């Protein structure tokens, strides 16, 4: 899960995820939202893909990127378990 946190620490990658939340896009469409080079966008996409936050699918000559909610759901479960443990620890201390 460390790779996911590292990927999410970057503003550009978080913005890419926000774009893909709305609709699947190819790399060129994603690049249109940024003032950085296309190779830089590709680098960010590789990082997001390697940690499982996005998936890609070839459609003709394009590669279409979309969010893979599985990792985000796993993170949410971890956060919820973490919060539950923290609350139960606080309840035990106050007794």
PDB file of N, CA and C in Angstrom:
ATOM      1  N   UNK A   1       0.819  -1.184   0.000  1.00  0.00           N
ATOM      2  CA  UNK A   1       0.000   0.000   0.000  1.00  0.00           C
ATOM      3  C   UNK A   1       0.875   1.265   0.000  1.00  0.00           C
ATOM      4  N   UNK A   2       2.149   1.121   0.320  1.00  0.00           N
ATOM      5  CA  UNK A   2       3.060   2.258   0.322  1.00  0.00           C
ATOM      6  C   UNK A   2       3.171   2.929  -1.030  1.00  0.00           C
ATOM      7  N   UNK A   3       3.162   2.128  -2.103  1.00  0.00           N
ATOM      8  CA  UNK A   3       3.232   2.685  -3.457  1.00  0.00           C
ATOM      9  C   UNK A   3       2.006   3.542  -3.747  1.00  0.00           C
ATOM     10  N   UNK A   4       0.859   3.124  -3.218  1.00  0.00           N
ATOM     11  CA  UNK A   4      -0.374   3.877  -3.441  1.00  0.00           C
ATOM     12  C   UNK A   4      -0.280   5.236  -2.761  1.00  0.00           C
ATOM     13  N   UNK A   5       0.171   5.258  -1.502  1.00  0.00           N
ATOM     14  CA  UNK A   5       0.319   6.526  -0.804  1.00  0.00           C
ATOM     15  C   UNK A   5       1.311   7.438  -1.522  1.00  0.00           C
ATOM     16  N   UNK A   6       2.397   6.864  -1.997  1.00  0.00           N
ATOM     17  CA  UNK A   6       3.394   7.655  -2.728  1.00  0.00           C
ATOM     18  C   UNK A   6       2.783   8.216  -4.014  1.00  0.00           C
ATOM     19  N   UNK A   7       2.025   7.398  -4.729  1.00  0.00           N
ATOM     20  CA  UNK A   7       1.379   7.857  -5.965  1.00  0.00           C
ATOM     21  C   UNK A   7       0.396   8.982  -5.675  1.00  0.00           C
ATOM     22  N   UNK A   8      -0.356   8.848  -4.597  1.00  0.00           N
ATOM     23  CA  UNK A   8      -1.359   9.857  -4.260  1.00  0.00           C
ATOM     24  C   UNK A   8      -0.759  11.127  -3.676  1.00  0.00           C
ATOM     25  N   UNK A   9       0.500  11.099  -3.309  1.00  0.00           N
ATOM     26  CA  UNK A   9       1.133  12.289  -2.731  1.00  0.00           C
ATOM     27  C   UNK A   9       1.408  13.365  -3.786  1.00  0.00           C
ATOM     28  N   UNK A  10       1.313  13.001  -5.056  1.00  0.00           N
ATOM     29  CA  UNK A  10       1.611  13.934  -6.136  1.00  0.00           C
ATOM     30  C   UNK A  10       0.328  14.582  -6.662  1.00  0.00           C
ATOM     31  N   UNK A  11       0.296  15.904  -6.715  1.00  0.00           N
ATOM     32  CA  UNK A  11      -0.884  16.649  -7.154  1.00  0.00           C
ATOM     33  C   UNK A  11      -1.305  16.292  -8.577  1.00  0.00           C
ATOM     34  N   UNK A  12      -0.342  16.149  -9.481  1.00  0.00           N
ATOM     35  CA  UNK A  12      -0.675  15.806 -10.868  1.00  0.00           C
ATOM     36  C   UNK A  12      -1.377  14.461 -10.941  1.00  0.00           C
ATOM     37  N   UNK A  13      -0.891  13.472 -10.209  1.00  0.00           N
ATOM     38  CA  UNK A  13      -1.520  12.150 -10.239  1.00  0.00           C
ATOM     39  C   UNK A  13      -2.915  12.190  -9.619  1.00  0.00           C
ATOM     40  N   UNK A  14      -3.085  12.980  -8.564  1.00  0.00           N
ATOM     41  CA  UNK A  14      -4.432  13.109  -7.984  1.00  0.00           C
ATOM     42  C   UNK A  14      -5.385  13.761  -8.983  1.00  0.00           C
ATOM     43  N   UNK A  15      -4.903  14.750  -9.719  1.00  0.00           N
ATOM     44  CA  UNK A  15      -5.726  15.402 -10.741  1.00  0.00           C
ATOM     45  C   UNK A  15      -6.073  14.427 -11.860  1.00  0.00           C
ATOM     46  N   UNK A  16      -5.124  13.596 -12.258  1.00  0.00           N
ATOM     47  CA  UNK A  16      -5.402  12.578 -13.287  1.00  0.00           C
ATOM     48  C   UNK A  16      -6.513  11.649 -12.804  1.00  0.00           C
ATOM     49  N   UNK A  17      -6.451  11.224 -11.554  1.00  0.00           N
ATOM     50  CA  UNK A  17      -7.504  10.359 -11.010  1.00  0.00           C
ATOM     51  C   UNK A  17      -8.856  11.066 -11.008  1.00  0.00           C
ATOM     52  N   UNK A  18      -8.861  12.357 -10.688  1.00  0.00           N
ATOM     53  CA  UNK A  18     -10.112  13.113 -10.716  1.00  0.00           C
ATOM     54  C   UNK A  18     -10.687  13.162 -12.131  1.00  0.00           C
ATOM     55  N   UNK A  19      -9.822  13.346 -13.120  1.00  0.00           N
ATOM     56  CA  UNK A  19     -10.278  13.353 -14.514  1.00  0.00           C
ATOM     57  C   UNK A  19     -10.853  11.997 -14.907  1.00  0.00           C
ATOM     58  N   UNK A  20     -10.154  10.936 -14.518  1.00  0.00           N
ATOM     59  CA  UNK A  20     -10.595   9.586 -14.887  1.00  0.00           C
ATOM     60  C   UNK A  20     -11.833   9.161 -14.110  1.00  0.00           C
ATOM     61  N   UNK A  21     -12.092   9.828 -12.993  1.00  0.00           N
ATOM     62  CA  UNK A  21     -13.316   9.535 -12.236  1.00  0.00           C
ATOM     63  C   UNK A  21     -14.538   9.925 -13.073  1.00  0.00           C
ATOM     64  N   UNK A  22     -14.391  10.970 -13.875  1.00  0.00           N
ATOM     65  CA  UNK A  22     -15.493  11.456 -14.698  1.00  0.00           C
ATOM     66  C   UNK A  22     -15.717  10.574 -15.923  1.00  0.00           C
ATOM     67  N   UNK A  23     -14.599  10.156 -16.548  1.00  0.00           N
ATOM     68  CA  UNK A  23     -14.699   9.327 -17.754  1.00  0.00           C
ATOM     69  C   UNK A  23     -13.329   8.759 -18.118  1.00  0.00           C
ATOM     70  N   UNK A  24     -13.302   7.610 -18.772  1.00  0.00           N
ATOM     71  CA  UNK A  24     -12.028   7.067 -19.271  1.00  0.00           C
ATOM     72  C   UNK A  24     -11.460   7.992 -20.351  1.00  0.00           C
ATOM     73  N   UNK A  25     -10.146   8.144 -20.380  1.00  0.00           N
ATOM     74  CA  UNK A  25      -9.481   9.035 -21.335  1.00  0.00           C
ATOM     75  C   UNK A  25      -8.197   8.393 -21.851  1.00  0.00           C
ATOM     76  N   UNK A  26      -7.761   8.833 -23.038  1.00  0.00           N
ATOM     77  CA  UNK A  26      -6.450   8.402 -23.507  1.00  0.00           C
ATOM     78  C   UNK A  26      -5.402   9.411 -23.023  1.00  0.00           C
ATOM     79  N   UNK A  27      -4.138   9.090 -23.214  1.00  0.00           N
ATOM     80  CA  UNK A  27      -3.050   9.922 -22.685  1.00  0.00           C
ATOM     81  C   UNK A  27      -3.071  11.333 -23.270  1.00  0.00           C
ATOM     82  N   UNK A  28      -3.387  11.455 -24.534  1.00  0.00           N
ATOM     83  CA  UNK A  28      -3.457  12.776 -25.164  1.00  0.00           C
ATOM     84  C   UNK A  28      -4.556  13.631 -24.559  1.00  0.00           C
ATOM     85  N   UNK A  29      -5.705  13.024 -24.303  1.00  0.00           N
ATOM     86  CA  UNK A  29      -6.812  13.760 -23.676  1.00  0.00           C
ATOM     87  C   UNK A  29      -6.439  14.203 -22.266  1.00  0.00           C
ATOM     88  N   UNK A  30      -5.751  13.333 -21.543  1.00  0.00           N
ATOM     89  CA  UNK A  30      -5.296  13.681 -20.195  1.00  0.00           C
ATOM     90  C   UNK A  30      -4.291  14.829 -20.274  1.00  0.00           C
ATOM     91  N   UNK A  31      -3.362  14.748 -21.215  1.00  0.00           N
ATOM     92  CA  UNK A  31      -2.313  15.764 -21.354  1.00  0.00           C
ATOM     93  C   UNK A  31      -2.890  17.150 -21.634  1.00  0.00           C
ATOM     94  N   UNK A  32      -4.046  17.200 -22.284  1.00  0.00           N
ATOM     95  CA  UNK A  32      -4.664  18.488 -22.602  1.00  0.00           C
ATOM     96  C   UNK A  32      -5.016  19.301 -21.359  1.00  0.00           C
ATOM     97  N   UNK A  33      -5.132  18.668 -20.215  1.00  0.00           N
ATOM     98  CA  UNK A  33      -5.492  19.349 -18.969  1.00  0.00           C
ATOM     99  C   UNK A  33      -4.276  19.901 -18.216  1.00  0.00           C
ATOM    100  N   UNK A  34      -3.100  19.625 -18.720  1.00  0.00           N
ATOM    101  CA  UNK A  34      -1.872  19.990 -18.008  1.00  0.00           C
ATOM    102  C   UNK A  34      -0.937  20.772 -18.911  1.00  0.00           C
ATOM    103  N   UNK A  35      -0.053  21.519 -18.299  1.00  0.00           N
ATOM    104  CA  UNK A  35       0.973  22.236 -19.052  1.00  0.00           C
ATOM    105  C   UNK A  35       2.330  21.601 -18.773  1.00  0.00           C
ATOM    106  N   UNK A  36       2.355  20.281 -18.923  1.00  0.00           N
ATOM    107  CA  UNK A  36       3.606  19.531 -18.814  1.00  0.00           C
ATOM    108  C   UNK A  36       3.723  18.655 -20.058  1.00  0.00           C
ATOM    109  N   UNK A  37       4.896  18.100 -20.279  1.00  0.00           N
ATOM    110  CA  UNK A  37       5.133  17.328 -21.502  1.00  0.00           C
ATOM    111  C   UNK A  37       4.357  16.011 -21.491  1.00  0.00           C
ATOM    112  N   UNK A  38       4.103  15.504 -22.672  1.00  0.00           N
ATOM    113  CA  UNK A  38       3.430  14.204 -22.791  1.00  0.00           C
ATOM    114  C   UNK A  38       4.245  13.071 -22.164  1.00  0.00           C
ATOM    115  N   UNK A  39       5.592  13.078 -22.303  1.00  0.00           N
ATOM    116  CA  UNK A  39       6.359  12.047 -21.597  1.00  0.00           C
ATOM    117  C   UNK A  39       6.163  12.112 -20.075  1.00  0.00           C
ATOM    118  N   UNK A  40       6.005  13.324 -19.529  1.00  0.00           N
ATOM    119  CA  UNK A  40       5.749  13.447 -18.091  1.00  0.00           C
ATOM    120  C   UNK A  40       4.396  12.850 -17.728  1.00  0.00           C
ATOM    121  N   UNK A  41       3.399  13.090 -18.557  1.00  0.00           N
ATOM    122  CA  UNK A  41       2.075  12.489 -18.325  1.00  0.00           C
ATOM    123  C   UNK A  41       2.191  10.974 -18.377  1.00  0.00           C
ATOM    124  N   UNK A  42       2.911  10.466 -19.356  1.00  0.00           N
ATOM    125  CA  UNK A  42       3.102   9.010 -19.467  1.00  0.00           C
ATOM    126  C   UNK A  42       3.770   8.450 -18.214  1.00  0.00           C
ATOM    127  N   UNK A  43       4.745   9.173 -17.688  1.00  0.00           N
ATOM    128  CA  UNK A  43       5.427   8.742 -16.459  1.00  0.00           C
ATOM    129  C   UNK A  43       4.425   8.644 -15.299  1.00  0.00           C
ATOM    130  N   UNK A  44       3.580   9.646 -15.155  1.00  0.00           N
ATOM    131  CA  UNK A  44       2.570   9.626 -14.096  1.00  0.00           C
ATOM    132  C   UNK A  44       1.590   8.465 -14.295  1.00  0.00           C
ATOM    133  N   UNK A  45       1.212   8.215 -15.536  1.00  0.00           N
ATOM    134  CA  UNK A  45       0.293   7.108 -15.825  1.00  0.00           C
ATOM    135  C   UNK A  45       0.923   5.763 -15.470  1.00  0.00           C
ATOM    136  N   UNK A  46       2.196   5.608 -15.748  1.00  0.00           N
ATOM    137  CA  UNK A  46       2.907   4.364 -15.406  1.00  0.00           C
ATOM    138  C   UNK A  46       2.890   4.156 -13.888  1.00  0.00           C
ATOM    139  N   UNK A  47       3.155   5.209 -13.142  1.00  0.00           N
ATOM    140  CA  UNK A  47       3.152   5.094 -11.678  1.00  0.00           C
ATOM    141  C   UNK A  47       1.763   4.705 -11.177  1.00  0.00           C
ATOM    142  N   UNK A  48       0.730   5.356 -11.692  1.00  0.00           N
ATOM    143  CA  UNK A  48      -0.643   5.036 -11.279  1.00  0.00           C
ATOM    144  C   UNK A  48      -1.020   3.604 -11.657  1.00  0.00           C
ATOM    145  N   UNK A  49      -0.578   3.184 -12.821  1.00  0.00           N
ATOM    146  CA  UNK A  49      -0.882   1.819 -13.269  1.00  0.00           C
ATOM    147  C   UNK A  49      -0.127   0.786 -12.440  1.00  0.00           C
ATOM    148  N   UNK A  50       1.150   1.036 -12.161  1.00  0.00           N
ATOM    149  CA  UNK A  50       1.966   0.072 -11.415  1.00  0.00           C
ATOM    150  C   UNK A  50       1.465  -0.167 -10.001  1.00  0.00           C
ATOM    151  N   UNK A  51       0.843   0.828  -9.404  1.00  0.00           N
ATOM    152  CA  UNK A  51       0.321   0.618  -8.044  1.00  0.00           C
ATOM    153  C   UNK A  51      -1.149   0.200  -8.063  1.00  0.00           C
ATOM    154  N   UNK A  52      -1.719   0.015  -9.253  1.00  0.00           N
ATOM    155  CA  UNK A  52      -3.059  -0.539  -9.365  1.00  0.00           C
ATOM    156  C   UNK A  52      -4.203   0.465  -9.276  1.00  0.00           C
ATOM    157  N   UNK A  53      -3.890   1.761  -9.347  1.00  0.00           N
ATOM    158  CA  UNK A  53      -4.952   2.757  -9.261  1.00  0.00           C
ATOM    159  C   UNK A  53      -5.695   2.963 -10.575  1.00  0.00           C
ATOM    160  N   UNK A  54      -5.028   2.667 -11.687  1.00  0.00           N
ATOM    161  CA  UNK A  54      -5.686   2.771 -12.991  1.00  0.00           C
ATOM    162  C   UNK A  54      -5.402   1.511 -13.803  1.00  0.00           C
ATOM    163  N   UNK A  55      -6.242   1.305 -14.780  1.00  0.00           N
ATOM    164  CA  UNK A  55      -6.041   0.222 -15.739  1.00  0.00           C
ATOM    165  C   UNK A  55      -6.050   0.827 -17.140  1.00  0.00           C
ATOM    166  N   UNK A  56      -5.468   0.124 -18.071  1.00  0.00           N
ATOM    167  CA  UNK A  56      -5.498   0.591 -19.454  1.00  0.00           C
ATOM    168  C   UNK A  56      -6.045  -0.502 -20.359  1.00  0.00           C
ATOM    169  N   UNK A  57      -6.657  -0.047 -21.442  1.00  0.00           N
ATOM    170  CA  UNK A  57      -7.254  -0.972 -22.411  1.00  0.00           C
ATOM    171  C   UNK A  57      -7.018  -0.410 -23.806  1.00  0.00           C
ATOM    172  N   UNK A  58      -6.472  -1.246 -24.660  1.00  0.00           N
ATOM    173  CA  UNK A  58      -6.227  -0.810 -26.032  1.00  0.00           C
ATOM    174  C   UNK A  58      -7.543  -0.835 -26.820  1.00  0.00           C
ATOM    175  N   UNK A  59      -7.821   0.301 -27.461  1.00  0.00           N
ATOM    176  CA  UNK A  59      -8.978   0.415 -28.363  1.00  0.00           C
ATOM    177  C   UNK A  59      -8.461   1.007 -29.666  1.00  0.00           C
ATOM    178  N   UNK A  60      -8.257   0.133 -30.643  1.00  0.00           N
ATOM    179  CA  UNK A  60      -7.665   0.579 -31.899  1.00  0.00           C
ATOM    180  C   UNK A  60      -6.242   1.047 -31.664  1.00  0.00           C
ATOM    181  N   UNK A  61      -5.945   2.279 -32.060  1.00  0.00           N
ATOM    182  CA  UNK A  61      -4.602   2.821 -31.868  1.00  0.00           C
ATOM    183  C   UNK A  61      -4.452   3.541 -30.529  1.00  0.00           C
ATOM    184  N   UNK A  62      -5.528   3.659 -29.779  1.00  0.00           N
ATOM    185  CA  UNK A  62      -5.481   4.373 -28.501  1.00  0.00           C
ATOM    186  C   UNK A  62      -5.415   3.419 -27.317  1.00  0.00           C
ATOM    187  N   UNK A  63      -4.811   3.905 -26.258  1.00  0.00           N
ATOM    188  CA  UNK A  63      -4.863   3.217 -24.977  1.00  0.00           C
ATOM    189  C   UNK A  63      -5.735   4.077 -24.074  1.00  0.00           C
ATOM    190  N   UNK A  64      -6.801   3.499 -23.591  1.00  0.00           N
ATOM    191  CA  UNK A  64      -7.761   4.220 -22.770  1.00  0.00           C
ATOM    192  C   UNK A  64      -7.507   3.875 -21.306  1.00  0.00           C
ATOM    193  N   UNK A  65      -7.404   4.903 -20.481  1.00  0.00           N
ATOM    194  CA  UNK A  65      -7.140   4.734 -19.052  1.00  0.00           C
ATOM    195  C   UNK A  65      -8.417   4.958 -18.262  1.00  0.00           C
ATOM    196  N   UNK A  66      -8.599   4.150 -17.230  1.00  0.00           N
ATOM    197  CA  UNK A  66      -9.736   4.313 -16.325  1.00  0.00           C
ATOM    198  C   UNK A  66      -9.313   3.929 -14.915  1.00  0.00           C
ATOM    199  N   UNK A  67     -10.102   4.363 -13.947  1.00  0.00           N
ATOM    200  CA  UNK A  67      -9.788   4.082 -12.543  1.00  0.00           C
ATOM    201  C   UNK A  67     -10.122   2.631 -12.227  1.00  0.00           C
ATOM    202  N   UNK A  68      -9.275   2.007 -11.438  1.00  0.00           N
ATOM    203  CA  UNK A  68      -9.557   0.690 -10.869  1.00  0.00           C
ATOM    204  C   UNK A  68      -9.887   0.932  -9.399  1.00  0.00           C
ATOM    205  N   UNK A  69     -11.149   0.813  -9.058  1.00  0.00           N
ATOM    206  CA  UNK A  69     -11.619   1.146  -7.707  1.00  0.00           C
ATOM    207  C   UNK A  69     -11.174   0.137  -6.652  1.00  0.00           C
ATOM    208  N   UNK A  70     -10.679  -1.015  -7.049  1.00  0.00           N
ATOM    209  CA  UNK A  70     -10.317  -2.063  -6.099  1.00  0.00           C
ATOM    210  C   UNK A  70      -9.302  -1.573  -5.069  1.00  0.00           C
ATOM    211  N   UNK A  71      -8.237  -0.938  -5.518  1.00  0.00           N
ATOM    212  CA  UNK A  71      -7.201  -0.467  -4.601  1.00  0.00           C
ATOM    213  C   UNK A  71      -7.750   0.625  -3.690  1.00  0.00           C
ATOM    214  N   UNK A  72      -8.546   1.531  -4.255  1.00  0.00           N
ATOM    215  CA  UNK A  72      -9.121   2.603  -3.440  1.00  0.00           C
ATOM    216  C   UNK A  72     -10.078   2.030  -2.390  1.00  0.00           C
ATOM    217  N   UNK A  73     -10.834   1.013  -2.760  1.00  0.00           N
ATOM    218  CA  UNK A  73     -11.722   0.367  -1.792  1.00  0.00           C
ATOM    219  C   UNK A  73     -10.925  -0.318  -0.690  1.00  0.00           C
ATOM    220  N   UNK A  74      -9.835  -0.960  -1.045  1.00  0.00           N
ATOM    221  CA  UNK A  74      -8.964  -1.579  -0.039  1.00  0.00           C
ATOM    222  C   UNK A  74      -8.394  -0.529   0.913  1.00  0.00           C
ATOM    223  N   UNK A  75      -8.011   0.622   0.364  1.00  0.00           N
ATOM    224  CA  UNK A  75      -7.495   1.703   1.201  1.00  0.00           C
ATOM    225  C   UNK A  75      -8.567   2.200   2.166  1.00  0.00           C
ATOM    226  N   UNK A  76      -9.788   2.333   1.662  1.00  0.00           N
ATOM    227  CA  UNK A  76     -10.878   2.806   2.519  1.00  0.00           C
ATOM    228  C   UNK A  76     -11.146   1.813   3.652  1.00  0.00           C
ATOM    229  N   UNK A  77     -11.105   0.525   3.335  1.00  0.00           N
ATOM    230  CA  UNK A  77     -11.275  -0.488   4.382  1.00  0.00           C
ATOM    231  C   UNK A  77     -10.175  -0.352   5.425  1.00  0.00           C
ATOM    232  N   UNK A  78      -8.932  -0.145   4.978  1.00  0.00           N
ATOM    233  CA  UNK A  78      -7.822   0.009   5.904  1.00  0.00           C
ATOM    234  C   UNK A  78      -8.035   1.229   6.792  1.00  0.00           C
ATOM    235  N   UNK A  79      -8.438   2.356   6.178  1.00  0.00           N
ATOM    236  CA  UNK A  79      -8.687   3.571   6.957  1.00  0.00           C
ATOM    237  C   UNK A  79      -9.797   3.350   7.979  1.00  0.00           C
ATOM    238  N   UNK A  80     -10.873   2.699   7.559  1.00  0.00           N
ATOM    239  CA  UNK A  80     -11.993   2.461   8.470  1.00  0.00           C
ATOM    240  C   UNK A  80     -11.562   1.563   9.631  1.00  0.00           C
ATOM    241  N   UNK A  81     -10.813   0.509   9.344  1.00  0.00           N
ATOM    242  CA  UNK A  81     -10.303  -0.355  10.406  1.00  0.00           C
ATOM    243  C   UNK A  81      -9.361   0.415  11.322  1.00  0.00           C
ATOM    244  N   UNK A  82      -8.551   1.267  10.748  1.00  0.00           N
ATOM    245  CA  UNK A  82      -7.628   2.082  11.525  1.00  0.00           C
ATOM    246  C   UNK A  82      -8.399   3.014  12.455  1.00  0.00           C
ATOM    247  N   UNK A  83      -9.447   3.636  11.914  1.00  0.00           N
ATOM    248  CA  UNK A  83     -10.261   4.554  12.722  1.00  0.00           C
ATOM    249  C   UNK A  83     -10.999   3.790  13.816  1.00  0.00           C
ATOM    250  N   UNK A  84     -11.535   2.617  13.489  1.00  0.00           N
ATOM    251  CA  UNK A  84     -12.245   1.806  14.484  1.00  0.00           C
ATOM    252  C   UNK A  84     -11.318   1.418  15.624  1.00  0.00           C
ATOM    253  N   UNK A  85     -10.100   1.035  15.300  1.00  0.00           N
ATOM    254  CA  UNK A  85      -9.135   0.658  16.338  1.00  0.00           C
ATOM    255  C   UNK A  85      -8.790   1.849  17.213  1.00  0.00           C
ATOM    256  N   UNK A  86      -8.651   3.008  16.618  1.00  0.00           N
ATOM    257  CA  UNK A  86      -8.344   4.212  17.376  1.00  0.00           C
ATOM    258  C   UNK A  86      -9.478   4.591  18.315  1.00  0.00           C
ATOM    259  N   UNK A  87     -10.719   4.458  17.853  1.00  0.00           N
ATOM    260  CA  UNK A  87     -11.870   4.781  18.693  1.00  0.00           C
ATOM    261  C   UNK A  87     -12.012   3.792  19.836  1.00  0.00           C
ATOM    262  N   UNK A  88     -11.788   2.503  19.571  1.00  0.00           N
ATOM    263  CA  UNK A  88     -11.917   1.511  20.645  1.00  0.00           C
ATOM    264  C   UNK A  88     -10.807   1.695  21.682  1.00  0.00           C
ATOM    265  N   UNK A  89      -9.610   2.120  21.248  1.00  0.00           N
ATOM    266  CA  UNK A  89      -8.520   2.401  22.190  1.00  0.00           C
ATOM    267  C   UNK A  89      -8.895   3.582  23.086  1.00  0.00           C
ATOM    268  N   UNK A  90      -9.493   4.611  22.499  1.00  0.00           N
ATOM    269  CA  UNK A  90      -9.891   5.779  23.273  1.00  0.00           C
ATOM    270  C   UNK A  90     -11.010   5.457  24.252  1.00  0.00           C
ATOM    271  N   UNK A  91     -11.938   4.582  23.858  1.00  0.00           N
ATOM    272  CA  UNK A  91     -13.018   4.182  24.748  1.00  0.00           C
ATOM    273  C   UNK A  91     -12.480   3.407  25.937  1.00  0.00           C
ATOM    274  N   UNK A  92     -11.501   2.529  25.700  1.00  0.00           N
ATOM    275  CA  UNK A  92     -10.910   1.751  26.784  1.00  0.00           C
ATOM    276  C   UNK A  92     -10.164   2.649  27.757  1.00  0.00           C
ATOM    277  N   UNK A  93      -9.499   3.683  27.256  1.00  0.00           N
ATOM    278  CA  UNK A  93      -8.743   4.586  28.108  1.00  0.00           C
ATOM    279  C   UNK A  93      -9.666   5.445  28.978  1.00  0.00           C
ATOM    280  N   UNK A  94     -10.870   5.746  28.472  1.00  0.00           N
ATOM    281  CA  UNK A  94     -11.761   6.630  29.215  1.00  0.00           C
ATOM    282  C   UNK A  94     -12.560   5.861  30.279  1.00  0.00           C
ATOM    283  N   UNK A  95     -12.523   4.558  30.266  1.00  0.00           N
ATOM    284  CA  UNK A  95     -13.274   3.751  31.246  1.00  0.00           C
ATOM    285  C   UNK A  95     -12.567   3.688  32.556  1.00  0.00           C
TER     286      UNK A  95
END
